[in-house]
Amino acid sequence: MLVFLTTGCISLHHGRKALRRTIIFTSLLLIPLGGSFIRLVRQAELAALIQQVLGNRTVTFFASGIN
């Protein structure tokens, strides 16, 4: 859109209007997507913490030579 505006392929009035609509719709999408991304990051951090705690506190015995 910016390229069409700068090269003069579309009028400045129509270009600004379309660019404004694009920015509004993009921002409407970014709000829920941003919230979902933050939730996924927190879940990944929690899963890594649980895996680390369980890995550090688990005693594992290997039966070597037993068939």
N, C-alpha and C. Protein backbone atom coordinates (compact mmCIF):
# COMPACT_ATOMS: atom_id res chain seq x y z
N MET A 1 0.82 -1.18 0.00
CA MET A 1 0.00 0.00 0.00
C MET A 1 0.87 1.25 0.00
N LEU A 2 1.91 1.24 0.80
CA LEU A 2 2.80 2.40 0.85
C LEU A 2 3.51 2.62 -0.48
N VAL A 3 3.83 1.55 -1.16
CA VAL A 3 4.50 1.67 -2.45
C VAL A 3 3.57 2.34 -3.46
N PHE A 4 2.30 1.95 -3.48
CA PHE A 4 1.35 2.57 -4.40
C PHE A 4 1.16 4.04 -4.09
N LEU A 5 1.18 4.38 -2.81
CA LEU A 5 1.04 5.79 -2.44
C LEU A 5 2.25 6.61 -2.90
N THR A 6 3.44 6.10 -2.66
CA THR A 6 4.65 6.87 -2.99
C THR A 6 4.88 6.95 -4.49
N THR A 7 4.47 5.94 -5.23
CA THR A 7 4.67 5.99 -6.68
C THR A 7 3.57 6.74 -7.39
N GLY A 8 2.48 7.04 -6.69
CA GLY A 8 1.41 7.81 -7.29
C GLY A 8 0.41 6.98 -8.08
N CYS A 9 0.38 5.69 -7.90
CA CYS A 9 -0.57 4.84 -8.62
C CYS A 9 -1.99 5.03 -8.12
N ILE A 10 -2.14 5.41 -6.87
CA ILE A 10 -3.47 5.68 -6.33
C ILE A 10 -3.46 7.07 -5.72
N SER A 11 -4.65 7.66 -5.62
CA SER A 11 -4.73 9.01 -5.08
C SER A 11 -4.42 8.99 -3.58
N LEU A 12 -3.97 10.12 -3.11
CA LEU A 12 -3.58 10.23 -1.72
C LEU A 12 -4.78 10.04 -0.79
N HIS A 13 -5.94 10.53 -1.18
CA HIS A 13 -7.14 10.39 -0.35
C HIS A 13 -7.56 8.93 -0.21
N HIS A 14 -7.62 8.20 -1.30
CA HIS A 14 -8.02 6.79 -1.26
C HIS A 14 -6.94 5.94 -0.58
N GLY A 15 -5.71 6.28 -0.79
CA GLY A 15 -4.63 5.52 -0.18
C GLY A 15 -4.60 5.66 1.32
N ARG A 16 -4.81 6.86 1.82
CA ARG A 16 -4.84 7.08 3.26
C ARG A 16 -6.01 6.34 3.90
N LYS A 17 -7.13 6.37 3.22
CA LYS A 17 -8.32 5.70 3.73
C LYS A 17 -8.09 4.19 3.82
N ALA A 18 -7.53 3.62 2.78
CA ALA A 18 -7.26 2.17 2.77
C ALA A 18 -6.19 1.81 3.79
N LEU A 19 -5.17 2.65 3.90
CA LEU A 19 -4.10 2.38 4.87
C LEU A 19 -4.63 2.47 6.30
N ARG A 20 -5.50 3.41 6.56
CA ARG A 20 -6.10 3.54 7.89
C ARG A 20 -6.93 2.30 8.23
N ARG A 21 -7.72 1.83 7.27
CA ARG A 21 -8.52 0.62 7.50
C ARG A 21 -7.63 -0.59 7.78
N THR A 22 -6.55 -0.69 7.02
CA THR A 22 -5.63 -1.80 7.20
C THR A 22 -5.01 -1.77 8.59
N ILE A 23 -4.62 -0.61 9.04
CA ILE A 23 -4.02 -0.47 10.37
C ILE A 23 -5.04 -0.81 11.45
N ILE A 24 -6.26 -0.37 11.30
CA ILE A 24 -7.30 -0.67 12.29
C ILE A 24 -7.57 -2.16 12.37
N PHE A 25 -7.75 -2.82 11.23
CA PHE A 25 -8.03 -4.25 11.25
C PHE A 25 -6.84 -5.06 11.76
N THR A 26 -5.64 -4.63 11.44
CA THR A 26 -4.45 -5.32 11.93
C THR A 26 -4.34 -5.18 13.44
N SER A 27 -4.61 -4.00 13.95
CA SER A 27 -4.54 -3.82 15.41
C SER A 27 -5.63 -4.62 16.11
N LEU A 28 -6.79 -4.76 15.50
CA LEU A 28 -7.84 -5.60 16.09
C LEU A 28 -7.43 -7.06 16.16
N LEU A 29 -6.64 -7.50 15.21
CA LEU A 29 -6.15 -8.89 15.24
C LEU A 29 -4.99 -9.06 16.22
N LEU A 30 -4.18 -8.04 16.38
CA LEU A 30 -3.01 -8.16 17.24
C LEU A 30 -3.38 -8.28 18.72
N ILE A 31 -4.48 -7.72 19.12
CA ILE A 31 -4.86 -7.77 20.53
C ILE A 31 -5.13 -9.22 20.98
N PRO A 32 -6.02 -9.97 20.34
CA PRO A 32 -6.22 -11.35 20.81
C PRO A 32 -5.02 -12.26 20.51
N LEU A 33 -4.34 -12.01 19.41
CA LEU A 33 -3.17 -12.85 19.10
C LEU A 33 -2.04 -12.60 20.09
N GLY A 34 -1.88 -11.38 20.51
CA GLY A 34 -0.86 -11.07 21.51
C GLY A 34 -1.17 -11.73 22.84
N GLY A 35 -2.45 -11.72 23.24
CA GLY A 35 -2.83 -12.39 24.48
C GLY A 35 -2.60 -13.89 24.42
N SER A 36 -2.92 -14.49 23.30
CA SER A 36 -2.68 -15.93 23.14
C SER A 36 -1.19 -16.25 23.15
N PHE A 37 -0.39 -15.39 22.55
CA PHE A 37 1.06 -15.62 22.53
C PHE A 37 1.63 -15.55 23.94
N ILE A 38 1.19 -14.57 24.73
CA ILE A 38 1.67 -14.46 26.10
C ILE A 38 1.27 -15.69 26.91
N ARG A 39 0.05 -16.17 26.71
CA ARG A 39 -0.40 -17.37 27.42
C ARG A 39 0.44 -18.59 27.03
N LEU A 40 0.76 -18.73 25.75
CA LEU A 40 1.59 -19.86 25.30
C LEU A 40 3.00 -19.79 25.87
N VAL A 41 3.55 -18.59 25.96
CA VAL A 41 4.89 -18.44 26.54
C VAL A 41 4.88 -18.84 28.01
N ARG A 42 3.85 -18.42 28.73
CA ARG A 42 3.76 -18.79 30.15
C ARG A 42 3.59 -20.29 30.32
N GLN A 43 2.81 -20.92 29.46
CA GLN A 43 2.64 -22.37 29.54
C GLN A 43 3.95 -23.09 29.26
N ALA A 44 4.70 -22.59 28.29
CA ALA A 44 6.00 -23.21 27.97
C ALA A 44 6.97 -23.05 29.13
N GLU A 45 6.96 -21.89 29.78
CA GLU A 45 7.83 -21.68 30.93
C GLU A 45 7.44 -22.60 32.07
N LEU A 46 6.15 -22.76 32.30
CA LEU A 46 5.68 -23.66 33.36
C LEU A 46 6.05 -25.10 33.06
N ALA A 47 5.89 -25.53 31.82
CA ALA A 47 6.24 -26.90 31.44
C ALA A 47 7.74 -27.15 31.62
N ALA A 48 8.55 -26.17 31.26
CA ALA A 48 10.00 -26.32 31.44
C ALA A 48 10.36 -26.38 32.92
N LEU A 49 9.70 -25.58 33.73
CA LEU A 49 9.96 -25.59 35.17
C LEU A 49 9.56 -26.93 35.78
N ILE A 50 8.40 -27.44 35.40
CA ILE A 50 7.94 -28.74 35.93
C ILE A 50 8.90 -29.85 35.51
N GLN A 51 9.33 -29.82 34.26
CA GLN A 51 10.26 -30.85 33.78
C GLN A 51 11.59 -30.76 34.53
N GLN A 52 12.05 -29.56 34.80
CA GLN A 52 13.31 -29.39 35.52
C GLN A 52 13.18 -29.88 36.96
N VAL A 53 12.09 -29.54 37.62
CA VAL A 53 11.89 -29.96 39.01
C VAL A 53 11.76 -31.47 39.09
N LEU A 54 10.98 -32.07 38.21
CA LEU A 54 10.82 -33.52 38.24
C LEU A 54 12.11 -34.23 37.87
N GLY A 55 12.88 -33.67 36.98
CA GLY A 55 14.14 -34.29 36.59
C GLY A 55 15.19 -34.22 37.68
N ASN A 56 15.17 -33.15 38.44
CA ASN A 56 16.17 -32.99 39.50
C ASN A 56 15.84 -33.80 40.75
N ARG A 57 14.57 -34.04 41.01
CA ARG A 57 14.17 -34.71 42.25
C ARG A 57 13.83 -36.18 42.06
N THR A 58 14.01 -36.70 40.87
CA THR A 58 13.69 -38.10 40.61
C THR A 58 14.97 -38.93 40.68
N VAL A 59 14.90 -40.01 41.44
CA VAL A 59 16.04 -40.92 41.54
C VAL A 59 15.72 -42.11 40.65
N THR A 60 16.59 -42.38 39.71
CA THR A 60 16.37 -43.45 38.76
C THR A 60 17.41 -44.54 38.98
N PHE A 61 16.93 -45.79 39.04
CA PHE A 61 17.81 -46.94 39.20
C PHE A 61 17.86 -47.71 37.90
N PHE A 62 19.04 -47.97 37.43
CA PHE A 62 19.21 -48.76 36.21
C PHE A 62 19.60 -50.19 36.59
N ALA A 63 18.88 -51.13 36.03
CA ALA A 63 19.18 -52.54 36.27
C ALA A 63 20.15 -53.00 35.20
N SER A 64 21.41 -53.01 35.54
CA SER A 64 22.40 -53.42 34.56
C SER A 64 22.69 -54.91 34.66
N GLY A 65 22.70 -55.57 33.54
CA GLY A 65 23.02 -56.98 33.50
C GLY A 65 21.85 -57.90 33.81
N ILE A 66 20.69 -57.39 34.07
CA ILE A 66 19.53 -58.24 34.37
C ILE A 66 18.71 -58.38 33.11
N ASN A 67 18.41 -59.60 32.70
CA ASN A 67 17.64 -59.84 31.49
C ASN A 67 16.21 -60.10 31.78
